[in-house]
Amino acid sequence: MEKAYKFRIYPFLEQEDQIQRTFGCVRFIYNHFLSRRKAVHEERGETLNYVACSSELTSLKKELEWLKEVDATAL
C-alpha cells in the first residue's frame, strides 16, 4: 500500500512573491539551456553537458542581475 500526504501552504505576500520569482527564474534557465542544447546539437551534433551548462550559468548570472535574487540551488 502506498501512502501520500498533501500539504497546503499559506505563504505571506513576500513569500509568495519570492516563490513566483523563483519559478520564473527556473523557467527562464530551463528554456535558455534547452534552446542552447538544441542549437549546439543542430550545429555540431553534440550536446552540452552539466559542466558546460554550469559554467555558462555562472556567466549568465553576472550578466542578468535578477538571477541573483533567487536561491542558487533552485537554478
PDB file of N, CA and C in Angstrom:
ATOM      1  N   MET A   1       0.843  -1.163   0.000  1.00  0.00           N
ATOM      2  CA  MET A   1       0.000   0.000   0.000  1.00  0.00           C
ATOM      3  C   MET A   1       0.899   1.240   0.000  1.00  0.00           C
ATOM      4  N   GLU A   2       0.591   2.176  -0.874  1.00  0.00           N
ATOM      5  CA  GLU A   2       1.338   3.421  -0.943  1.00  0.00           C
ATOM      6  C   GLU A   2       0.541   4.526  -0.250  1.00  0.00           C
ATOM      7  N   LYS A   3       1.260   5.365   0.447  1.00  0.00           N
ATOM      8  CA  LYS A   3       0.621   6.471   1.138  1.00  0.00           C
ATOM      9  C   LYS A   3       1.096   7.778   0.544  1.00  0.00           C
ATOM     10  N   ALA A   4       0.268   8.764   0.629  1.00  0.00           N
ATOM     11  CA  ALA A   4       0.629  10.101   0.155  1.00  0.00           C
ATOM     12  C   ALA A   4       0.125  11.120   1.169  1.00  0.00           C
ATOM     13  N   TYR A   5       0.848  12.196   1.249  1.00  0.00           N
ATOM     14  CA  TYR A   5       0.460  13.289   2.122  1.00  0.00           C
ATOM     15  C   TYR A   5       0.287  14.536   1.289  1.00  0.00           C
ATOM     16  N   LYS A   6      -0.745  15.275   1.579  1.00  0.00           N
ATOM     17  CA  LYS A   6      -0.974  16.553   0.927  1.00  0.00           C
ATOM     18  C   LYS A   6      -0.819  17.648   1.965  1.00  0.00           C
ATOM     19  N   PHE A   7      -0.111  18.683   1.563  1.00  0.00           N
ATOM     20  CA  PHE A   7       0.058  19.830   2.437  1.00  0.00           C
ATOM     21  C   PHE A   7      -0.383  21.075   1.699  1.00  0.00           C
ATOM     22  N   ARG A   8      -0.988  21.943   2.401  1.00  0.00           N
ATOM     23  CA  ARG A   8      -1.357  23.231   1.838  1.00  0.00           C
ATOM     24  C   ARG A   8      -0.580  24.294   2.591  1.00  0.00           C
ATOM     25  N   ILE A   9       0.038  25.172   1.833  1.00  0.00           N
ATOM     26  CA  ILE A   9       0.803  26.228   2.475  1.00  0.00           C
ATOM     27  C   ILE A   9       0.069  27.552   2.296  1.00  0.00           C
ATOM     28  N   TYR A  10       0.257  28.419   3.246  1.00  0.00           N
ATOM     29  CA  TYR A  10      -0.342  29.745   3.214  1.00  0.00           C
ATOM     30  C   TYR A  10       0.777  30.773   3.377  1.00  0.00           C
ATOM     31  N   PRO A  11       1.477  31.069   2.287  1.00  0.00           N
ATOM     32  CA  PRO A  11       2.616  31.988   2.409  1.00  0.00           C
ATOM     33  C   PRO A  11       2.156  33.433   2.583  1.00  0.00           C
ATOM     34  N   PHE A  12       3.027  34.202   3.230  1.00  0.00           N
ATOM     35  CA  PHE A  12       2.793  35.633   3.323  1.00  0.00           C
ATOM     36  C   PHE A  12       3.001  36.244   1.942  1.00  0.00           C
ATOM     37  N   LEU A  13       2.666  37.499   1.782  1.00  0.00           N
ATOM     38  CA  LEU A  13       2.787  38.163   0.488  1.00  0.00           C
ATOM     39  C   LEU A  13       4.229  38.176  -0.011  1.00  0.00           C
ATOM     40  N   GLU A  14       5.177  38.454   0.890  1.00  0.00           N
ATOM     41  CA  GLU A  14       6.590  38.479   0.485  1.00  0.00           C
ATOM     42  C   GLU A  14       7.068  37.088   0.077  1.00  0.00           C
ATOM     43  N   GLN A  15       6.616  36.067   0.799  1.00  0.00           N
ATOM     44  CA  GLN A  15       6.994  34.693   0.471  1.00  0.00           C
ATOM     45  C   GLN A  15       6.411  34.276  -0.866  1.00  0.00           C
ATOM     46  N   GLU A  16       5.178  34.678  -1.130  1.00  0.00           N
ATOM     47  CA  GLU A  16       4.540  34.342  -2.400  1.00  0.00           C
ATOM     48  C   GLU A  16       5.269  35.009  -3.561  1.00  0.00           C
ATOM     49  N   ASP A  17       5.689  36.260  -3.367  1.00  0.00           N
ATOM     50  CA  ASP A  17       6.461  36.953  -4.404  1.00  0.00           C
ATOM     51  C   ASP A  17       7.785  36.239  -4.662  1.00  0.00           C
ATOM     52  N   GLN A  18       8.460  35.798  -3.601  1.00  0.00           N
ATOM     53  CA  GLN A  18       9.733  35.095  -3.750  1.00  0.00           C
ATOM     54  C   GLN A  18       9.539  33.756  -4.460  1.00  0.00           C
ATOM     55  N   ILE A  19       8.466  33.059  -4.158  1.00  0.00           N
ATOM     56  CA  ILE A  19       8.168  31.790  -4.825  1.00  0.00           C
ATOM     57  C   ILE A  19       7.929  32.021  -6.315  1.00  0.00           C
ATOM     58  N   GLN A  20       7.153  33.050  -6.646  1.00  0.00           N
ATOM     59  CA  GLN A  20       6.884  33.351  -8.051  1.00  0.00           C
ATOM     60  C   GLN A  20       8.150  33.765  -8.796  1.00  0.00           C
ATOM     61  N   ARG A  21       9.015  34.552  -8.149  1.00  0.00           N
ATOM     62  CA  ARG A  21      10.296  34.930  -8.767  1.00  0.00           C
ATOM     63  C   ARG A  21      11.159  33.706  -9.022  1.00  0.00           C
ATOM     64  N   THR A  22      11.192  32.801  -8.039  1.00  0.00           N
ATOM     65  CA  THR A  22      11.989  31.586  -8.183  1.00  0.00           C
ATOM     66  C   THR A  22      11.492  30.741  -9.339  1.00  0.00           C
ATOM     67  N   PHE A  23      10.182  30.531  -9.433  1.00  0.00           N
ATOM     68  CA  PHE A  23       9.633  29.741 -10.533  1.00  0.00           C
ATOM     69  C   PHE A  23       9.899  30.412 -11.876  1.00  0.00           C
ATOM     70  N   GLY A  24       9.807  31.730 -11.927  1.00  0.00           N
ATOM     71  CA  GLY A  24      10.079  32.445 -13.175  1.00  0.00           C
ATOM     72  C   GLY A  24      11.525  32.307 -13.610  1.00  0.00           C
ATOM     73  N   CYS A  25      12.449  32.413 -12.670  1.00  0.00           N
ATOM     74  CA  CYS A  25      13.876  32.267 -12.999  1.00  0.00           C
ATOM     75  C   CYS A  25      14.207  30.843 -13.417  1.00  0.00           C
ATOM     76  N   VAL A  26      13.649  29.871 -12.726  1.00  0.00           N
ATOM     77  CA  VAL A  26      13.886  28.469 -13.080  1.00  0.00           C
ATOM     78  C   VAL A  26      13.346  28.183 -14.476  1.00  0.00           C
ATOM     79  N   ARG A  27      12.171  28.707 -14.787  1.00  0.00           N
ATOM     80  CA  ARG A  27      11.586  28.521 -16.120  1.00  0.00           C
ATOM     81  C   ARG A  27      12.464  29.167 -17.190  1.00  0.00           C
ATOM     82  N   PHE A  28      12.988  30.364 -16.908  1.00  0.00           N
ATOM     83  CA  PHE A  28      13.863  31.044 -17.855  1.00  0.00           C
ATOM     84  C   PHE A  28      15.134  30.238 -18.107  1.00  0.00           C
ATOM     85  N   ILE A  29      15.772  29.758 -17.027  1.00  0.00           N
ATOM     86  CA  ILE A  29      17.016  28.991 -17.154  1.00  0.00           C
ATOM     87  C   ILE A  29      16.765  27.690 -17.911  1.00  0.00           C
ATOM     88  N   TYR A  30      15.688  27.002 -17.598  1.00  0.00           N
ATOM     89  CA  TYR A  30      15.365  25.744 -18.291  1.00  0.00           C
ATOM     90  C   TYR A  30      15.201  25.982 -19.785  1.00  0.00           C
ATOM     91  N   ASN A  31      14.413  26.983 -20.149  1.00  0.00           N
ATOM     92  CA  ASN A  31      14.176  27.267 -21.566  1.00  0.00           C
ATOM     93  C   ASN A  31      15.441  27.756 -22.264  1.00  0.00           C
ATOM     94  N   HIS A  32      16.266  28.530 -21.561  1.00  0.00           N
ATOM     95  CA  HIS A  32      17.514  29.031 -22.136  1.00  0.00           C
ATOM     96  C   HIS A  32      18.443  27.876 -22.498  1.00  0.00           C
ATOM     97  N   PHE A  33      18.657  26.968 -21.554  1.00  0.00           N
ATOM     98  CA  PHE A  33      19.581  25.864 -21.825  1.00  0.00           C
ATOM     99  C   PHE A  33      18.978  24.818 -22.751  1.00  0.00           C
ATOM    100  N   LEU A  34      17.681  24.704 -22.779  1.00  0.00           N
ATOM    101  CA  LEU A  34      17.053  23.813 -23.754  1.00  0.00           C
ATOM    102  C   LEU A  34      17.309  24.318 -25.168  1.00  0.00           C
ATOM    103  N   SER A  35      17.154  25.607 -25.386  1.00  0.00           N
ATOM    104  CA  SER A  35      17.414  26.164 -26.718  1.00  0.00           C
ATOM    105  C   SER A  35      18.897  26.105 -27.056  1.00  0.00           C
ATOM    106  N   ARG A  36      19.777  26.322 -26.059  1.00  0.00           N
ATOM    107  CA  ARG A  36      21.232  26.224 -26.294  1.00  0.00           C
ATOM    108  C   ARG A  36      21.616  24.797 -26.673  1.00  0.00           C
ATOM    109  N   ARG A  37      21.062  23.807 -25.978  1.00  0.00           N
ATOM    110  CA  ARG A  37      21.368  22.412 -26.291  1.00  0.00           C
ATOM    111  C   ARG A  37      20.879  22.040 -27.686  1.00  0.00           C
ATOM    112  N   LYS A  38      19.684  22.512 -28.053  1.00  0.00           N
ATOM    113  CA  LYS A  38      19.178  22.234 -29.398  1.00  0.00           C
ATOM    114  C   LYS A  38      20.058  22.870 -30.461  1.00  0.00           C
ATOM    115  N   ALA A  39      20.494  24.104 -30.227  1.00  0.00           N
ATOM    116  CA  ALA A  39      21.337  24.808 -31.201  1.00  0.00           C
ATOM    117  C   ALA A  39      22.678  24.111 -31.366  1.00  0.00           C
ATOM    118  N   VAL A  40      23.296  23.725 -30.255  1.00  0.00           N
ATOM    119  CA  VAL A  40      24.587  23.038 -30.330  1.00  0.00           C
ATOM    120  C   VAL A  40      24.436  21.685 -31.008  1.00  0.00           C
ATOM    121  N   HIS A  41      23.342  20.994 -30.730  1.00  0.00           N
ATOM    122  CA  HIS A  41      23.120  19.689 -31.347  1.00  0.00           C
ATOM    123  C   HIS A  41      22.925  19.818 -32.861  1.00  0.00           C
ATOM    124  N   GLU A  42      22.206  20.845 -33.291  1.00  0.00           N
ATOM    125  CA  GLU A  42      21.993  21.039 -34.724  1.00  0.00           C
ATOM    126  C   GLU A  42      23.279  21.454 -35.431  1.00  0.00           C
ATOM    127  N   GLU A  43      24.110  22.274 -34.767  1.00  0.00           N
ATOM    128  CA  GLU A  43      25.345  22.751 -35.383  1.00  0.00           C
ATOM    129  C   GLU A  43      26.425  21.675 -35.435  1.00  0.00           C
ATOM    130  N   ARG A  44      26.688  21.041 -34.295  1.00  0.00           N
ATOM    131  CA  ARG A  44      27.829  20.137 -34.189  1.00  0.00           C
ATOM    132  C   ARG A  44      27.460  18.681 -33.993  1.00  0.00           C
ATOM    133  N   GLY A  45      26.199  18.401 -33.719  1.00  0.00           N
ATOM    134  CA  GLY A  45      25.799  17.025 -33.447  1.00  0.00           C
ATOM    135  C   GLY A  45      26.187  16.560 -32.051  1.00  0.00           C
ATOM    136  N   GLU A  46      26.549  17.480 -31.177  1.00  0.00           N
ATOM    137  CA  GLU A  46      26.932  17.182 -29.795  1.00  0.00           C
ATOM    138  C   GLU A  46      25.878  17.744 -28.852  1.00  0.00           C
ATOM    139  N   THR A  47      26.087  17.506 -27.580  1.00  0.00           N
ATOM    140  CA  THR A  47      25.203  18.086 -26.585  1.00  0.00           C
ATOM    141  C   THR A  47      26.041  18.764 -25.503  1.00  0.00           C
ATOM    142  N   LEU A  48      25.448  19.703 -24.822  1.00  0.00           N
ATOM    143  CA  LEU A  48      26.121  20.373 -23.714  1.00  0.00           C
ATOM    144  C   LEU A  48      25.975  19.510 -22.467  1.00  0.00           C
ATOM    145  N   ASN A  49      27.070  19.301 -21.753  1.00  0.00           N
ATOM    146  CA  ASN A  49      26.991  18.533 -20.518  1.00  0.00           C
ATOM    147  C   ASN A  49      26.750  19.463 -19.335  1.00  0.00           C
ATOM    148  N   TYR A  50      26.693  18.874 -18.155  1.00  0.00           N
ATOM    149  CA  TYR A  50      26.401  19.647 -16.950  1.00  0.00           C
ATOM    150  C   TYR A  50      27.472  20.691 -16.681  1.00  0.00           C
ATOM    151  N   VAL A  51      28.731  20.333 -16.886  1.00  0.00           N
ATOM    152  CA  VAL A  51      29.834  21.245 -16.574  1.00  0.00           C
ATOM    153  C   VAL A  51      29.761  22.482 -17.460  1.00  0.00           C
ATOM    154  N   ALA A  52      29.476  22.297 -18.743  1.00  0.00           N
ATOM    155  CA  ALA A  52      29.374  23.434 -19.658  1.00  0.00           C
ATOM    156  C   ALA A  52      28.189  24.325 -19.291  1.00  0.00           C
ATOM    157  N   CYS A  53      27.071  23.714 -18.964  1.00  0.00           N
ATOM    158  CA  CYS A  53      25.888  24.493 -18.585  1.00  0.00           C
ATOM    159  C   CYS A  53      26.115  25.225 -17.266  1.00  0.00           C
ATOM    160  N   SER A  54      26.784  24.588 -16.331  1.00  0.00           N
ATOM    161  CA  SER A  54      27.038  25.207 -15.036  1.00  0.00           C
ATOM    162  C   SER A  54      27.958  26.413 -15.166  1.00  0.00           C
ATOM    163  N   SER A  55      28.994  26.295 -15.972  1.00  0.00           N
ATOM    164  CA  SER A  55      29.893  27.440 -16.146  1.00  0.00           C
ATOM    165  C   SER A  55      29.203  28.561 -16.912  1.00  0.00           C
ATOM    166  N   GLU A  56      28.356  28.204 -17.853  1.00  0.00           N
ATOM    167  CA  GLU A  56      27.613  29.237 -18.577  1.00  0.00           C
ATOM    168  C   GLU A  56      26.591  29.910 -17.672  1.00  0.00           C
ATOM    169  N   LEU A  57      26.024  29.153 -16.747  1.00  0.00           N
ATOM    170  CA  LEU A  57      25.075  29.736 -15.794  1.00  0.00           C
ATOM    171  C   LEU A  57      25.760  30.772 -14.916  1.00  0.00           C
ATOM    172  N   THR A  58      26.995  30.500 -14.532  1.00  0.00           N
ATOM    173  CA  THR A  58      27.741  31.456 -13.715  1.00  0.00           C
ATOM    174  C   THR A  58      27.936  32.768 -14.461  1.00  0.00           C
ATOM    175  N   SER A  59      28.317  32.693 -15.726  1.00  0.00           N
ATOM    176  CA  SER A  59      28.496  33.923 -16.501  1.00  0.00           C
ATOM    177  C   SER A  59      27.155  34.588 -16.805  1.00  0.00           C
ATOM    178  N   LEU A  60      26.110  33.790 -16.960  1.00  0.00           N
ATOM    179  CA  LEU A  60      24.779  34.344 -17.211  1.00  0.00           C
ATOM    180  C   LEU A  60      24.272  35.112 -15.993  1.00  0.00           C
ATOM    181  N   LYS A  61      24.594  34.624 -14.790  1.00  0.00           N
ATOM    182  CA  LYS A  61      24.186  35.323 -13.568  1.00  0.00           C
ATOM    183  C   LYS A  61      24.913  36.649 -13.417  1.00  0.00           C
ATOM    184  N   LYS A  62      26.122  36.767 -13.991  1.00  0.00           N
ATOM    185  CA  LYS A  62      26.838  38.041 -13.945  1.00  0.00           C
ATOM    186  C   LYS A  62      26.202  39.052 -14.887  1.00  0.00           C
ATOM    187  N   GLU A  63      25.665  38.575 -16.013  1.00  0.00           N
ATOM    188  CA  GLU A  63      25.021  39.461 -16.985  1.00  0.00           C
ATOM    189  C   GLU A  63      23.630  39.887 -16.524  1.00  0.00           C
ATOM    190  N   LEU A  64      22.869  38.952 -16.027  1.00  0.00           N
ATOM    191  CA  LEU A  64      21.484  39.209 -15.630  1.00  0.00           C
ATOM    192  C   LEU A  64      21.401  39.260 -14.107  1.00  0.00           C
ATOM    193  N   GLU A  65      21.339  40.450 -13.565  1.00  0.00           N
ATOM    194  CA  GLU A  65      21.374  40.645 -12.113  1.00  0.00           C
ATOM    195  C   GLU A  65      20.167  40.028 -11.407  1.00  0.00           C
ATOM    196  N   TRP A  66      19.018  39.949 -12.074  1.00  0.00           N
ATOM    197  CA  TRP A  66      17.821  39.452 -11.414  1.00  0.00           C
ATOM    198  C   TRP A  66      17.889  37.953 -11.137  1.00  0.00           C
ATOM    199  N   LEU A  67      18.853  37.244 -11.735  1.00  0.00           N
ATOM    200  CA  LEU A  67      19.019  35.827 -11.408  1.00  0.00           C
ATOM    201  C   LEU A  67      19.657  35.629 -10.040  1.00  0.00           C
ATOM    202  N   LYS A  68      20.274  36.677  -9.503  1.00  0.00           N
ATOM    203  CA  LYS A  68      20.898  36.570  -8.185  1.00  0.00           C
ATOM    204  C   LYS A  68      19.890  36.717  -7.055  1.00  0.00           C
ATOM    205  N   GLU A  69      18.670  37.109  -7.359  1.00  0.00           N
ATOM    206  CA  GLU A  69      17.663  37.329  -6.327  1.00  0.00           C
ATOM    207  C   GLU A  69      17.094  36.037  -5.761  1.00  0.00           C
ATOM    208  N   VAL A  70      17.264  34.932  -6.489  1.00  0.00           N
ATOM    209  CA  VAL A  70      16.673  33.659  -6.047  1.00  0.00           C
ATOM    210  C   VAL A  70      17.770  32.721  -5.556  1.00  0.00           C
ATOM    211  N   ASP A  71      17.354  31.645  -4.931  1.00  0.00           N
ATOM    212  CA  ASP A  71      18.291  30.674  -4.394  1.00  0.00           C
ATOM    213  C   ASP A  71      19.064  29.998  -5.516  1.00  0.00           C
ATOM    214  N   ALA A  72      20.367  29.856  -5.357  1.00  0.00           N
ATOM    215  CA  ALA A  72      21.224  29.307  -6.409  1.00  0.00           C
ATOM    216  C   ALA A  72      20.934  27.819  -6.650  1.00  0.00           C
ATOM    217  N   THR A  73      20.529  27.090  -5.629  1.00  0.00           N
ATOM    218  CA  THR A  73      20.272  25.664  -5.828  1.00  0.00           C
ATOM    219  C   THR A  73      19.021  25.409  -6.640  1.00  0.00           C
ATOM    220  N   ALA A  74      18.095  26.354  -6.648  1.00  0.00           N
ATOM    221  CA  ALA A  74      16.880  26.197  -7.455  1.00  0.00           C
ATOM    222  C   ALA A  74      17.202  26.303  -8.941  1.00  0.00           C
ATOM    223  N   LEU A  75      18.196  27.116  -9.273  1.00  0.00           N
ATOM    224  CA  LEU A  75      18.557  27.291 -10.665  1.00  0.00           C
ATOM    225  C   LEU A  75      19.303  26.071 -11.170  1.00  0.00           C
TER     226      LEU A  75
END
